[in-house]
Amino acid sequence: MRSRLLFAASLLAAIGLIAGCGKSTVNSPASSDTPSLDQAQVASVVAIEPEVVEDGQFESAEITSLGAGPGTTGALAAINPLRFWRVITSVERRFEFAFADSDSTGRPTTAVVTVHKLLAGRFNILTGVPGDDSATPDSLLSVIHKPLADHWVRRVLLKRLPAPDSARGVWRVVATSGVKVTSRAATTQIASLRVQTAGVDTTLTDPLHFFYLRRILKLDPGTPVTLTVTTLRNDDIVVMCRFGHRFRFHNNGDNTYTAVWLVPDLRVGNGPRPGPGRPPIFHFGVNALSHGTLFDDTAPYDSQAWLLPFLVIPDDIADALP
């Protein structure tokens, strides 16, 4: 909730800057094809629909337990990591506006808003003897802190549509991308994510590809979903990013990592919901980390995460949406 409020405040500041006041960071080509009024209207629409921007997962301080698995122990490991978590201490937001597809009056009918966030903070690793850390004496536990600097990026697509009560038409969000979060100087890369469940078998190779609102991935509560992540190395650590579902993937030894996720019930009464009239969009993600990030106290933090939108069946995007 706090992240959504900060996002809305940042975009409102951007609107003020477009109107000639304020100090938010906004990048947009200045020309007659992108009048400031359209920029302000687009920013206003995105600001009241944070569900299509904020993933609500990556910036969480929720703890991930590594559990047992290949690479958990071994003579080559400098440390034995048991759990890890992030603490984000600062977020710097930047918005880019791009307009296209001008109509006969010269006004744009398409807008793409690219949201950037620079996240700074600490990556924390609880280390100790292999096994259950709850049974490990405190004297054998220690916490290693590594500097964290991540670049978070997402795109939102809007269309200007005719409206009976507006001669200028109205801007509506029609699609959103996933989220890509990459650490500074990262060598870790996710090449693809395969999602398999009843009636669904899709492989994604670019998280910044647009998902049109009516065609966002739909998942049924209680259904197992098999996730397969491919990276560029066979010794990465891959974990799930979803509240209450943060666990390690199985390393298949061939640059692929697999886990089965049971979709939680996030409908009314079972979790947070967007406001009335807004898309009931939720997110899940995968995070790949270099082996050294977790098993070498001198190696830098090296990470990449993809986070994707989904709907909970039987919910659907409202018919009023384009």
C-alpha atoms as a PDB file:
ATOM      1  CA  MET A   1       0.000   0.000   0.000  1.00  0.00           C
ATOM      2  CA  ARG A   2       2.814   2.443   0.902  1.00  0.00           C
ATOM      3  CA  SER A   3       4.524   1.761  -2.429  1.00  0.00           C
ATOM      4  CA  ARG A   4       1.290   2.498  -4.305  1.00  0.00           C
ATOM      5  CA  LEU A   5       0.804   5.780  -2.439  1.00  0.00           C
ATOM      6  CA  LEU A   6       4.386   6.846  -3.169  1.00  0.00           C
ATOM      7  CA  PHE A   7       3.927   5.966  -6.832  1.00  0.00           C
ATOM      8  CA  ALA A   8       0.741   8.026  -7.079  1.00  0.00           C
ATOM      9  CA  ALA A   9       2.442  10.941  -5.317  1.00  0.00           C
ATOM     10  CA  SER A  10       5.373  10.764  -7.752  1.00  0.00           C
ATOM     11  CA  LEU A  11       3.093  10.860 -10.778  1.00  0.00           C
ATOM     12  CA  LEU A  12       1.083  13.724  -9.326  1.00  0.00           C
ATOM     13  CA  ALA A  13       4.381  15.569  -8.935  1.00  0.00           C
ATOM     14  CA  ALA A  14       5.104  14.736 -12.576  1.00  0.00           C
ATOM     15  CA  ILE A  15       1.761  16.261 -13.550  1.00  0.00           C
ATOM     16  CA  GLY A  16       2.766  19.411 -11.699  1.00  0.00           C
ATOM     17  CA  LEU A  17       6.060  19.510 -13.569  1.00  0.00           C
ATOM     18  CA  ILE A  18       4.285  19.099 -16.909  1.00  0.00           C
ATOM     19  CA  ALA A  19       2.022  22.012 -15.967  1.00  0.00           C
ATOM     20  CA  GLY A  20       5.041  24.141 -15.123  1.00  0.00           C
ATOM     21  CA  CYS A  21       5.666  23.500 -11.448  1.00  0.00           C
ATOM     22  CA  GLY A  22       7.170  20.833  -9.250  1.00  0.00           C
ATOM     23  CA  LYS A  23      10.480  18.895  -9.304  1.00  0.00           C
ATOM     24  CA  SER A  24       9.702  15.359 -10.395  1.00  0.00           C
ATOM     25  CA  THR A  25      11.727  13.695 -13.167  1.00  0.00           C
ATOM     26  CA  VAL A  26       9.894  13.464 -16.488  1.00  0.00           C
ATOM     27  CA  ASN A  27      11.426  12.672 -19.863  1.00  0.00           C
ATOM     28  CA  SER A  28       9.390  13.311 -22.993  1.00  0.00           C
ATOM     29  CA  PRO A  29      10.149  14.668 -26.478  1.00  0.00           C
ATOM     30  CA  ALA A  30       8.935  18.254 -26.557  1.00  0.00           C
ATOM     31  CA  SER A  31       6.988  18.981 -29.742  1.00  0.00           C
ATOM     32  CA  SER A  32       3.552  19.977 -30.978  1.00  0.00           C
ATOM     33  CA  ASP A  33       2.795  16.245 -31.374  1.00  0.00           C
ATOM     34  CA  THR A  34       2.934  15.710 -27.614  1.00  0.00           C
ATOM     35  CA  PRO A  35       1.125  18.642 -26.004  1.00  0.00           C
ATOM     36  CA  SER A  36       1.497  19.021 -22.285  1.00  0.00           C
ATOM     37  CA  LEU A  37      -2.244  18.520 -21.790  1.00  0.00           C
ATOM     38  CA  ASP A  38      -2.032  14.980 -23.171  1.00  0.00           C
ATOM     39  CA  GLN A  39       0.978  14.252 -20.964  1.00  0.00           C
ATOM     40  CA  ALA A  40      -0.882  15.482 -17.911  1.00  0.00           C
ATOM     41  CA  GLN A  41      -3.980  13.444 -18.787  1.00  0.00           C
ATOM     42  CA  VAL A  42      -1.934  10.283 -19.340  1.00  0.00           C
ATOM     43  CA  ALA A  43      -0.079  10.767 -16.058  1.00  0.00           C
ATOM     44  CA  SER A  44      -3.389  11.283 -14.242  1.00  0.00           C
ATOM     45  CA  VAL A  45      -4.866   8.061 -15.626  1.00  0.00           C
ATOM     46  CA  VAL A  46      -1.812   5.973 -14.691  1.00  0.00           C
ATOM     47  CA  ALA A  47      -1.674   7.560 -11.221  1.00  0.00           C
ATOM     48  CA  ILE A  48      -5.170   6.311 -10.320  1.00  0.00           C
ATOM     49  CA  GLU A  49      -4.440   2.769 -11.552  1.00  0.00           C
ATOM     50  CA  PRO A  50      -1.297   1.760  -9.613  1.00  0.00           C
ATOM     51  CA  GLU A  51      -2.214  -1.927 -10.032  1.00  0.00           C
ATOM     52  CA  VAL A  52      -0.907  -1.774 -13.609  1.00  0.00           C
ATOM     53  CA  VAL A  53       2.443  -0.397 -12.407  1.00  0.00           C
ATOM     54  CA  GLU A  54       3.386  -1.436  -8.875  1.00  0.00           C
ATOM     55  CA  ASP A  55       4.162  -5.152  -8.536  1.00  0.00           C
ATOM     56  CA  GLY A  56       3.993  -5.105  -4.723  1.00  0.00           C
ATOM     57  CA  GLN A  57       6.467  -7.990  -4.462  1.00  0.00           C
ATOM     58  CA  PHE A  58      10.097  -7.202  -5.212  1.00  0.00           C
ATOM     59  CA  GLU A  59      10.581  -4.390  -2.697  1.00  0.00           C
ATOM     60  CA  SER A  60       9.225  -6.511   0.151  1.00  0.00           C
ATOM     61  CA  ALA A  61      11.480  -7.328   3.102  1.00  0.00           C
ATOM     62  CA  GLU A  62       9.914 -10.787   3.315  1.00  0.00           C
ATOM     63  CA  ILE A  63      12.452 -13.524   4.107  1.00  0.00           C
ATOM     64  CA  THR A  64      13.327 -16.258   1.607  1.00  0.00           C
ATOM     65  CA  SER A  65      14.503 -19.564   3.067  1.00  0.00           C
ATOM     66  CA  LEU A  66      16.986 -21.409   0.894  1.00  0.00           C
ATOM     67  CA  GLY A  67      16.339 -24.869   2.304  1.00  0.00           C
ATOM     68  CA  ALA A  68      18.224 -27.873   1.008  1.00  0.00           C
ATOM     69  CA  GLY A  69      19.380 -28.148  -2.558  1.00  0.00           C
ATOM     70  CA  PRO A  70      22.388 -28.380  -4.844  1.00  0.00           C
ATOM     71  CA  GLY A  71      24.950 -25.770  -3.879  1.00  0.00           C
ATOM     72  CA  THR A  72      23.637 -25.317  -0.333  1.00  0.00           C
ATOM     73  CA  THR A  73      26.795 -26.841   1.067  1.00  0.00           C
ATOM     74  CA  GLY A  74      30.182 -27.809  -0.275  1.00  0.00           C
ATOM     75  CA  ALA A  75      33.879 -27.266   0.160  1.00  0.00           C
ATOM     76  CA  LEU A  76      33.917 -24.473  -2.419  1.00  0.00           C
ATOM     77  CA  ALA A  77      31.262 -22.425  -0.599  1.00  0.00           C
ATOM     78  CA  ALA A  78      32.802 -19.652   1.494  1.00  0.00           C
ATOM     79  CA  ILE A  79      29.656 -19.359   3.628  1.00  0.00           C
ATOM     80  CA  ASN A  80      26.518 -21.398   4.319  1.00  0.00           C
ATOM     81  CA  PRO A  81      23.493 -19.171   3.604  1.00  0.00           C
ATOM     82  CA  LEU A  82      20.265 -20.081   5.368  1.00  0.00           C
ATOM     83  CA  ARG A  83      17.943 -17.206   4.513  1.00  0.00           C
ATOM     84  CA  PHE A  84      18.083 -13.839   2.782  1.00  0.00           C
ATOM     85  CA  TRP A  85      16.014 -10.666   2.564  1.00  0.00           C
ATOM     86  CA  ARG A  86      16.225  -7.183   1.110  1.00  0.00           C
ATOM     87  CA  VAL A  87      15.883  -3.851   2.846  1.00  0.00           C
ATOM     88  CA  ILE A  88      15.165  -1.003   0.433  1.00  0.00           C
ATOM     89  CA  THR A  89      16.226   2.321   1.914  1.00  0.00           C
ATOM     90  CA  SER A  90      15.583   4.628  -1.028  1.00  0.00           C
ATOM     91  CA  VAL A  91      13.561   4.667  -4.246  1.00  0.00           C
ATOM     92  CA  GLU A  92      14.150   7.173  -7.036  1.00  0.00           C
ATOM     93  CA  ARG A  93      11.412   7.262  -9.684  1.00  0.00           C
ATOM     94  CA  ARG A  94      11.611   8.492 -13.253  1.00  0.00           C
ATOM     95  CA  PHE A  95       8.884   8.575 -15.939  1.00  0.00           C
ATOM     96  CA  GLU A  96       9.274   8.606 -19.712  1.00  0.00           C
ATOM     97  CA  PHE A  97       6.357   9.539 -21.981  1.00  0.00           C
ATOM     98  CA  ALA A  98       6.305   8.583 -25.664  1.00  0.00           C
ATOM     99  CA  PHE A  99       3.420   9.466 -28.005  1.00  0.00           C
ATOM    100  CA  ALA A 100       2.514   8.124 -31.463  1.00  0.00           C
ATOM    101  CA  ASP A 101      -0.246   7.530 -34.023  1.00  0.00           C
ATOM    102  CA  SER A 102      -1.487  11.087 -34.471  1.00  0.00           C
ATOM    103  CA  ASP A 103      -5.035  11.571 -35.743  1.00  0.00           C
ATOM    104  CA  SER A 104      -6.243  14.033 -38.384  1.00  0.00           C
ATOM    105  CA  THR A 105      -5.998  16.894 -35.870  1.00  0.00           C
ATOM    106  CA  GLY A 106      -2.383  16.119 -35.067  1.00  0.00           C
ATOM    107  CA  ARG A 107      -3.091  14.767 -31.595  1.00  0.00           C
ATOM    108  CA  PRO A 108      -1.576  11.420 -30.533  1.00  0.00           C
ATOM    109  CA  THR A 109      -3.812   8.415 -29.980  1.00  0.00           C
ATOM    110  CA  THR A 110      -1.174   6.137 -28.431  1.00  0.00           C
ATOM    111  CA  ALA A 111       1.002   6.707 -25.376  1.00  0.00           C
ATOM    112  CA  VAL A 112       3.635   4.563 -23.698  1.00  0.00           C
ATOM    113  CA  VAL A 113       4.709   5.410 -20.170  1.00  0.00           C
ATOM    114  CA  THR A 114       7.972   3.803 -19.071  1.00  0.00           C
ATOM    115  CA  VAL A 115       8.450   3.787 -15.320  1.00  0.00           C
ATOM    116  CA  HIS A 116      11.964   3.496 -13.913  1.00  0.00           C
ATOM    117  CA  LYS A 117      12.883   3.023 -10.283  1.00  0.00           C
ATOM    118  CA  LEU A 118      16.390   3.035  -8.867  1.00  0.00           C
ATOM    119  CA  LEU A 119      16.326   0.963  -5.687  1.00  0.00           C
ATOM    120  CA  ALA A 120      19.082   1.263  -3.114  1.00  0.00           C
ATOM    121  CA  GLY A 121      19.524  -0.637   0.122  1.00  0.00           C
ATOM    122  CA  ARG A 122      20.997  -3.804   1.603  1.00  0.00           C
ATOM    123  CA  PHE A 123      20.910  -7.465   0.653  1.00  0.00           C
ATOM    124  CA  ASN A 124      21.056  -9.458   3.891  1.00  0.00           C
ATOM    125  CA  ILE A 125      22.165 -13.085   4.272  1.00  0.00           C
ATOM    126  CA  LEU A 126      21.747 -15.118   7.441  1.00  0.00           C
ATOM    127  CA  THR A 127      24.578 -17.639   7.574  1.00  0.00           C
ATOM    128  CA  GLY A 128      25.307 -20.583   9.846  1.00  0.00           C
ATOM    129  CA  VAL A 129      25.800 -24.311   9.809  1.00  0.00           C
ATOM    130  CA  PRO A 130      23.842 -26.259   7.170  1.00  0.00           C
ATOM    131  CA  GLY A 131      20.375 -27.365   8.210  1.00  0.00           C
ATOM    132  CA  ASP A 132      17.529 -25.815  10.172  1.00  0.00           C
ATOM    133  CA  ASP A 133      18.620 -22.382  11.415  1.00  0.00           C
ATOM    134  CA  SER A 134      15.979 -22.523  14.192  1.00  0.00           C
ATOM    135  CA  ALA A 135      18.053 -25.250  15.848  1.00  0.00           C
ATOM    136  CA  THR A 136      21.385 -23.481  15.321  1.00  0.00           C
ATOM    137  CA  PRO A 137      22.894 -21.730  18.360  1.00  0.00           C
ATOM    138  CA  ASP A 138      22.945 -17.959  18.033  1.00  0.00           C
ATOM    139  CA  SER A 139      26.720 -18.018  18.415  1.00  0.00           C
ATOM    140  CA  LEU A 140      26.986 -19.818  15.065  1.00  0.00           C
ATOM    141  CA  LEU A 141      24.666 -17.438  13.208  1.00  0.00           C
ATOM    142  CA  SER A 142      25.741 -14.222  11.539  1.00  0.00           C
ATOM    143  CA  VAL A 143      24.275 -11.757   9.048  1.00  0.00           C
ATOM    144  CA  ILE A 144      26.194 -10.528   6.025  1.00  0.00           C
ATOM    145  CA  HIS A 145      25.130  -7.236   4.452  1.00  0.00           C
ATOM    146  CA  LYS A 146      25.818  -6.446   0.801  1.00  0.00           C
ATOM    147  CA  PRO A 147      25.089  -3.117  -0.911  1.00  0.00           C
ATOM    148  CA  LEU A 148      22.062  -3.314  -3.188  1.00  0.00           C
ATOM    149  CA  ALA A 149      21.439  -1.182  -6.280  1.00  0.00           C
ATOM    150  CA  ASP A 150      18.650  -2.351  -8.614  1.00  0.00           C
ATOM    151  CA  HIS A 151      17.107  -0.858 -11.737  1.00  0.00           C
ATOM    152  CA  TRP A 152      13.345  -1.559 -11.882  1.00  0.00           C
ATOM    153  CA  VAL A 153      11.514  -0.921 -15.163  1.00  0.00           C
ATOM    154  CA  ARG A 154       7.979  -1.368 -16.507  1.00  0.00           C
ATOM    155  CA  ARG A 155       5.920  -0.050 -19.438  1.00  0.00           C
ATOM    156  CA  VAL A 156       2.244   0.925 -19.642  1.00  0.00           C
ATOM    157  CA  LEU A 157       0.319   1.337 -22.918  1.00  0.00           C
ATOM    158  CA  LEU A 158      -2.586   3.779 -23.235  1.00  0.00           C
ATOM    159  CA  LYS A 159      -4.980   4.658 -26.069  1.00  0.00           C
ATOM    160  CA  ARG A 160      -7.014   7.834 -26.536  1.00  0.00           C
ATOM    161  CA  LEU A 161     -10.598   6.744 -27.164  1.00  0.00           C
ATOM    162  CA  PRO A 162     -13.755   8.618 -28.192  1.00  0.00           C
ATOM    163  CA  ALA A 163     -16.016   9.690 -25.338  1.00  0.00           C
ATOM    164  CA  PRO A 164     -19.535  11.149 -25.605  1.00  0.00           C
ATOM    165  CA  ASP A 165     -18.842  13.757 -22.925  1.00  0.00           C
ATOM    166  CA  SER A 166     -15.426  14.868 -24.195  1.00  0.00           C
ATOM    167  CA  ALA A 167     -14.530  16.380 -27.546  1.00  0.00           C
ATOM    168  CA  ARG A 168     -10.884  15.521 -26.913  1.00  0.00           C
ATOM    169  CA  GLY A 169     -11.580  11.881 -26.042  1.00  0.00           C
ATOM    170  CA  VAL A 170     -10.216  10.099 -22.980  1.00  0.00           C
ATOM    171  CA  TRP A 171      -7.028   8.171 -22.298  1.00  0.00           C
ATOM    172  CA  ARG A 172      -7.370   4.582 -21.083  1.00  0.00           C
ATOM    173  CA  VAL A 173      -4.831   1.987 -20.005  1.00  0.00           C
ATOM    174  CA  VAL A 174      -5.079  -0.942 -22.430  1.00  0.00           C
ATOM    175  CA  ALA A 175      -1.957  -2.965 -21.622  1.00  0.00           C
ATOM    176  CA  THR A 176       0.867  -3.322 -19.147  1.00  0.00           C
ATOM    177  CA  SER A 177       4.180  -5.101 -19.377  1.00  0.00           C
ATOM    178  CA  GLY A 178       5.785  -7.258 -16.772  1.00  0.00           C
ATOM    179  CA  VAL A 179       8.567  -5.908 -14.563  1.00  0.00           C
ATOM    180  CA  LYS A 180      12.309  -6.377 -15.045  1.00  0.00           C
ATOM    181  CA  VAL A 181      14.653  -5.688 -12.125  1.00  0.00           C
ATOM    182  CA  THR A 182      18.404  -5.869 -12.726  1.00  0.00           C
ATOM    183  CA  SER A 183      21.209  -5.163 -10.286  1.00  0.00           C
ATOM    184  CA  ARG A 184      24.037  -2.791 -11.156  1.00  0.00           C
ATOM    185  CA  ALA A 185      26.736  -4.456 -13.305  1.00  0.00           C
ATOM    186  CA  ALA A 186      24.755  -7.708 -13.260  1.00  0.00           C
ATOM    187  CA  THR A 187      26.085 -10.814 -14.993  1.00  0.00           C
ATOM    188  CA  THR A 188      23.027 -12.859 -14.038  1.00  0.00           C
ATOM    189  CA  GLN A 189      20.378 -13.014 -16.748  1.00  0.00           C
ATOM    190  CA  ILE A 190      17.033 -14.754 -17.080  1.00  0.00           C
ATOM    191  CA  ALA A 191      16.645 -16.039 -20.649  1.00  0.00           C
ATOM    192  CA  SER A 192      13.080 -17.342 -20.404  1.00  0.00           C
ATOM    193  CA  LEU A 193      10.244 -18.304 -18.080  1.00  0.00           C
ATOM    194  CA  ARG A 194       7.870 -21.140 -18.941  1.00  0.00           C
ATOM    195  CA  VAL A 195       4.468 -21.239 -17.224  1.00  0.00           C
ATOM    196  CA  GLN A 196       2.513 -24.521 -17.299  1.00  0.00           C
ATOM    197  CA  THR A 197      -0.856 -25.258 -15.730  1.00  0.00           C
ATOM    198  CA  ALA A 198      -4.263 -26.561 -16.802  1.00  0.00           C
ATOM    199  CA  GLY A 199      -4.998 -25.003 -20.181  1.00  0.00           C
ATOM    200  CA  VAL A 200      -1.848 -22.876 -20.143  1.00  0.00           C
ATOM    201  CA  ASP A 201       1.611 -23.569 -21.550  1.00  0.00           C
ATOM    202  CA  THR A 202       3.472 -20.404 -22.472  1.00  0.00           C
ATOM    203  CA  THR A 203       7.121 -19.377 -22.572  1.00  0.00           C
ATOM    204  CA  LEU A 204       8.084 -15.738 -22.042  1.00  0.00           C
ATOM    205  CA  THR A 205      11.377 -14.322 -23.296  1.00  0.00           C
ATOM    206  CA  ASP A 206      10.822 -10.613 -22.639  1.00  0.00           C
ATOM    207  CA  PRO A 207       9.099  -9.387 -19.468  1.00  0.00           C
ATOM    208  CA  LEU A 208       8.678  -5.914 -20.978  1.00  0.00           C
ATOM    209  CA  HIS A 209       6.397  -7.276 -23.694  1.00  0.00           C
ATOM    210  CA  PHE A 210       2.872  -5.828 -23.393  1.00  0.00           C
ATOM    211  CA  PHE A 211       0.067  -7.902 -21.868  1.00  0.00           C
ATOM    212  CA  TYR A 212      -3.281  -6.532 -23.050  1.00  0.00           C
ATOM    213  CA  LEU A 213      -5.631  -6.297 -20.081  1.00  0.00           C
ATOM    214  CA  ARG A 214      -8.204  -8.674 -21.548  1.00  0.00           C
ATOM    215  CA  ARG A 215      -5.513 -11.284 -22.225  1.00  0.00           C
ATOM    216  CA  ILE A 216      -3.544 -11.236 -18.982  1.00  0.00           C
ATOM    217  CA  LEU A 217      -2.653 -14.687 -17.655  1.00  0.00           C
ATOM    218  CA  LYS A 218      -5.595 -16.177 -15.722  1.00  0.00           C
ATOM    219  CA  LEU A 219      -4.922 -18.648 -12.886  1.00  0.00           C
ATOM    220  CA  ASP A 220      -7.332 -20.709 -10.812  1.00  0.00           C
ATOM    221  CA  PRO A 221      -6.892 -20.664  -6.989  1.00  0.00           C
ATOM    222  CA  GLY A 222      -5.543 -23.931  -5.668  1.00  0.00           C
ATOM    223  CA  THR A 223      -4.152 -24.966  -9.040  1.00  0.00           C
ATOM    224  CA  PRO A 224      -0.497 -26.075  -9.247  1.00  0.00           C
ATOM    225  CA  VAL A 225       1.597 -24.071 -11.706  1.00  0.00           C
ATOM    226  CA  THR A 226       4.916 -25.428 -12.948  1.00  0.00           C
ATOM    227  CA  LEU A 227       7.477 -22.677 -13.500  1.00  0.00           C
ATOM    228  CA  THR A 228      10.696 -23.318 -15.416  1.00  0.00           C
ATOM    229  CA  VAL A 229      13.354 -20.613 -15.513  1.00  0.00           C
ATOM    230  CA  THR A 230      16.278 -20.684 -17.933  1.00  0.00           C
ATOM    231  CA  THR A 231      19.380 -18.626 -17.137  1.00  0.00           C
ATOM    232  CA  LEU A 232      22.850 -18.412 -18.690  1.00  0.00           C
ATOM    233  CA  ARG A 233      24.539 -20.533 -15.987  1.00  0.00           C
ATOM    234  CA  ASN A 234      24.043 -23.873 -14.279  1.00  0.00           C
ATOM    235  CA  ASP A 235      24.894 -22.704 -10.758  1.00  0.00           C
ATOM    236  CA  ASP A 236      22.535 -19.753 -10.271  1.00  0.00           C
ATOM    237  CA  ILE A 237      20.073 -19.656  -7.379  1.00  0.00           C
ATOM    238  CA  VAL A 238      16.474 -19.097  -8.508  1.00  0.00           C
ATOM    239  CA  VAL A 239      13.674 -18.263  -6.069  1.00  0.00           C
ATOM    240  CA  MET A 240       9.962 -17.442  -6.184  1.00  0.00           C
ATOM    241  CA  CYS A 241       8.755 -13.875  -5.569  1.00  0.00           C
ATOM    242  CA  ARG A 242       5.243 -13.860  -4.132  1.00  0.00           C
ATOM    243  CA  PHE A 243       4.022 -12.941  -0.619  1.00  0.00           C
ATOM    244  CA  GLY A 244       3.928 -16.079   1.491  1.00  0.00           C
ATOM    245  CA  HIS A 245       5.445 -18.091  -1.353  1.00  0.00           C
ATOM    246  CA  ARG A 246       9.182 -17.425  -1.331  1.00  0.00           C
ATOM    247  CA  PHE A 247      11.098 -20.605  -1.937  1.00  0.00           C
ATOM    248  CA  ARG A 248      13.986 -22.002  -3.935  1.00  0.00           C
ATOM    249  CA  PHE A 249      13.674 -23.660  -7.351  1.00  0.00           C
ATOM    250  CA  HIS A 250      15.225 -27.058  -8.103  1.00  0.00           C
ATOM    251  CA  ASN A 251      18.416 -26.823 -10.156  1.00  0.00           C
ATOM    252  CA  ASN A 252      18.155 -29.251 -13.096  1.00  0.00           C
ATOM    253  CA  GLY A 253      21.879 -28.905 -13.905  1.00  0.00           C
ATOM    254  CA  ASP A 254      21.326 -27.673 -17.473  1.00  0.00           C
ATOM    255  CA  ASN A 255      20.767 -23.939 -16.919  1.00  0.00           C
ATOM    256  CA  THR A 256      17.106 -24.603 -16.086  1.00  0.00           C
ATOM    257  CA  TYR A 257      15.383 -24.364 -12.711  1.00  0.00           C
ATOM    258  CA  THR A 258      11.935 -25.720 -11.863  1.00  0.00           C
ATOM    259  CA  ALA A 259       9.368 -25.256  -9.108  1.00  0.00           C
ATOM    260  CA  VAL A 260       5.671 -25.907  -8.584  1.00  0.00           C
ATOM    261  CA  TRP A 261       3.633 -23.019  -7.168  1.00  0.00           C
ATOM    262  CA  LEU A 262       0.144 -23.462  -5.746  1.00  0.00           C
ATOM    263  CA  VAL A 263      -1.900 -20.405  -6.743  1.00  0.00           C
ATOM    264  CA  PRO A 264      -3.276 -18.655  -3.623  1.00  0.00           C
ATOM    265  CA  ASP A 265      -6.873 -17.438  -3.391  1.00  0.00           C
ATOM    266  CA  LEU A 266      -6.625 -13.645  -3.595  1.00  0.00           C
ATOM    267  CA  ARG A 267     -10.309 -12.941  -4.170  1.00  0.00           C
ATOM    268  CA  VAL A 268     -12.494 -10.864  -1.827  1.00  0.00           C
ATOM    269  CA  GLY A 269     -11.863 -11.832   1.776  1.00  0.00           C
ATOM    270  CA  ASN A 270      -8.599 -13.622   1.003  1.00  0.00           C
ATOM    271  CA  GLY A 271      -6.176 -10.802   0.335  1.00  0.00           C
ATOM    272  CA  PRO A 272      -5.791  -7.172  -0.775  1.00  0.00           C
ATOM    273  CA  ARG A 273      -7.932  -6.015  -3.688  1.00  0.00           C
ATOM    274  CA  PRO A 274      -7.722  -3.020  -6.015  1.00  0.00           C
ATOM    275  CA  GLY A 275     -10.252  -0.252  -5.608  1.00  0.00           C
ATOM    276  CA  PRO A 276     -13.703  -0.395  -7.256  1.00  0.00           C
ATOM    277  CA  GLY A 277     -13.610  -0.196 -11.041  1.00  0.00           C
ATOM    278  CA  ARG A 278      -9.913  -0.992 -11.308  1.00  0.00           C
ATOM    279  CA  PRO A 279      -8.374  -4.114 -12.806  1.00  0.00           C
ATOM    280  CA  PRO A 280      -7.983  -6.895 -10.198  1.00  0.00           C
ATOM    281  CA  ILE A 281      -4.376  -7.510 -11.220  1.00  0.00           C
ATOM    282  CA  PHE A 282      -1.905  -9.386  -9.011  1.00  0.00           C
ATOM    283  CA  HIS A 283       1.737 -10.330  -9.567  1.00  0.00           C
ATOM    284  CA  PHE A 284       4.163 -13.197  -9.159  1.00  0.00           C
ATOM    285  CA  GLY A 285       7.812 -13.325 -10.081  1.00  0.00           C
ATOM    286  CA  VAL A 286      11.064 -15.221 -10.262  1.00  0.00           C
ATOM    287  CA  ASN A 287      14.462 -14.013  -9.103  1.00  0.00           C
ATOM    288  CA  ALA A 288      17.815 -15.388 -10.289  1.00  0.00           C
ATOM    289  CA  LEU A 289      20.921 -14.670  -8.219  1.00  0.00           C
ATOM    290  CA  SER A 290      24.523 -15.548  -8.926  1.00  0.00           C
ATOM    291  CA  HIS A 291      26.053 -18.328  -6.851  1.00  0.00           C
ATOM    292  CA  GLY A 292      28.546 -15.866  -5.381  1.00  0.00           C
ATOM    293  CA  THR A 293      25.798 -13.535  -4.194  1.00  0.00           C
ATOM    294  CA  LEU A 294      24.720 -16.112  -1.615  1.00  0.00           C
ATOM    295  CA  PHE A 295      27.736 -18.392  -1.142  1.00  0.00           C
ATOM    296  CA  ASP A 296      30.643 -15.934  -1.136  1.00  0.00           C
ATOM    297  CA  ASP A 297      30.756 -13.155   1.418  1.00  0.00           C
ATOM    298  CA  THR A 298      33.194 -11.142  -0.739  1.00  0.00           C
ATOM    299  CA  ALA A 299      31.273 -11.401  -4.034  1.00  0.00           C
ATOM    300  CA  PRO A 300      28.962  -8.521  -4.991  1.00  0.00           C
ATOM    301  CA  TYR A 301      25.190  -8.691  -5.091  1.00  0.00           C
ATOM    302  CA  ASP A 302      24.246  -9.904  -8.608  1.00  0.00           C
ATOM    303  CA  SER A 303      20.565 -10.400  -9.433  1.00  0.00           C
ATOM    304  CA  GLN A 304      17.823 -10.253 -12.041  1.00  0.00           C
ATOM    305  CA  ALA A 305      14.089 -10.652 -11.466  1.00  0.00           C
ATOM    306  CA  TRP A 306      11.028 -10.870 -13.698  1.00  0.00           C
ATOM    307  CA  LEU A 307       7.561 -10.159 -12.298  1.00  0.00           C
ATOM    308  CA  LEU A 308       4.381 -10.843 -14.248  1.00  0.00           C
ATOM    309  CA  PRO A 309       0.727  -9.797 -13.916  1.00  0.00           C
ATOM    310  CA  PHE A 310      -2.067 -12.334 -13.503  1.00  0.00           C
ATOM    311  CA  LEU A 311      -5.772 -12.519 -12.762  1.00  0.00           C
ATOM    312  CA  VAL A 312      -7.485 -14.868 -10.352  1.00  0.00           C
ATOM    313  CA  ILE A 313     -10.276 -16.906 -11.956  1.00  0.00           C
ATOM    314  CA  PRO A 314     -13.240 -16.230 -12.116  1.00  0.00           C
ATOM    315  CA  ASP A 315     -12.376 -12.547 -11.924  1.00  0.00           C
ATOM    316  CA  ASP A 316     -11.997 -10.745 -15.225  1.00  0.00           C
ATOM    317  CA  ILE A 317     -11.151  -7.284 -16.458  1.00  0.00           C
ATOM    318  CA  ALA A 318     -14.296  -5.168 -16.418  1.00  0.00           C
ATOM    319  CA  ASP A 319     -16.224  -5.001 -19.678  1.00  0.00           C
ATOM    320  CA  ALA A 320     -15.925  -1.225 -19.622  1.00  0.00           C
ATOM    321  CA  LEU A 321     -12.187  -1.449 -20.101  1.00  0.00           C
ATOM    322  CA  PRO A 322     -10.832  -1.206 -23.679  1.00  0.00           C
END
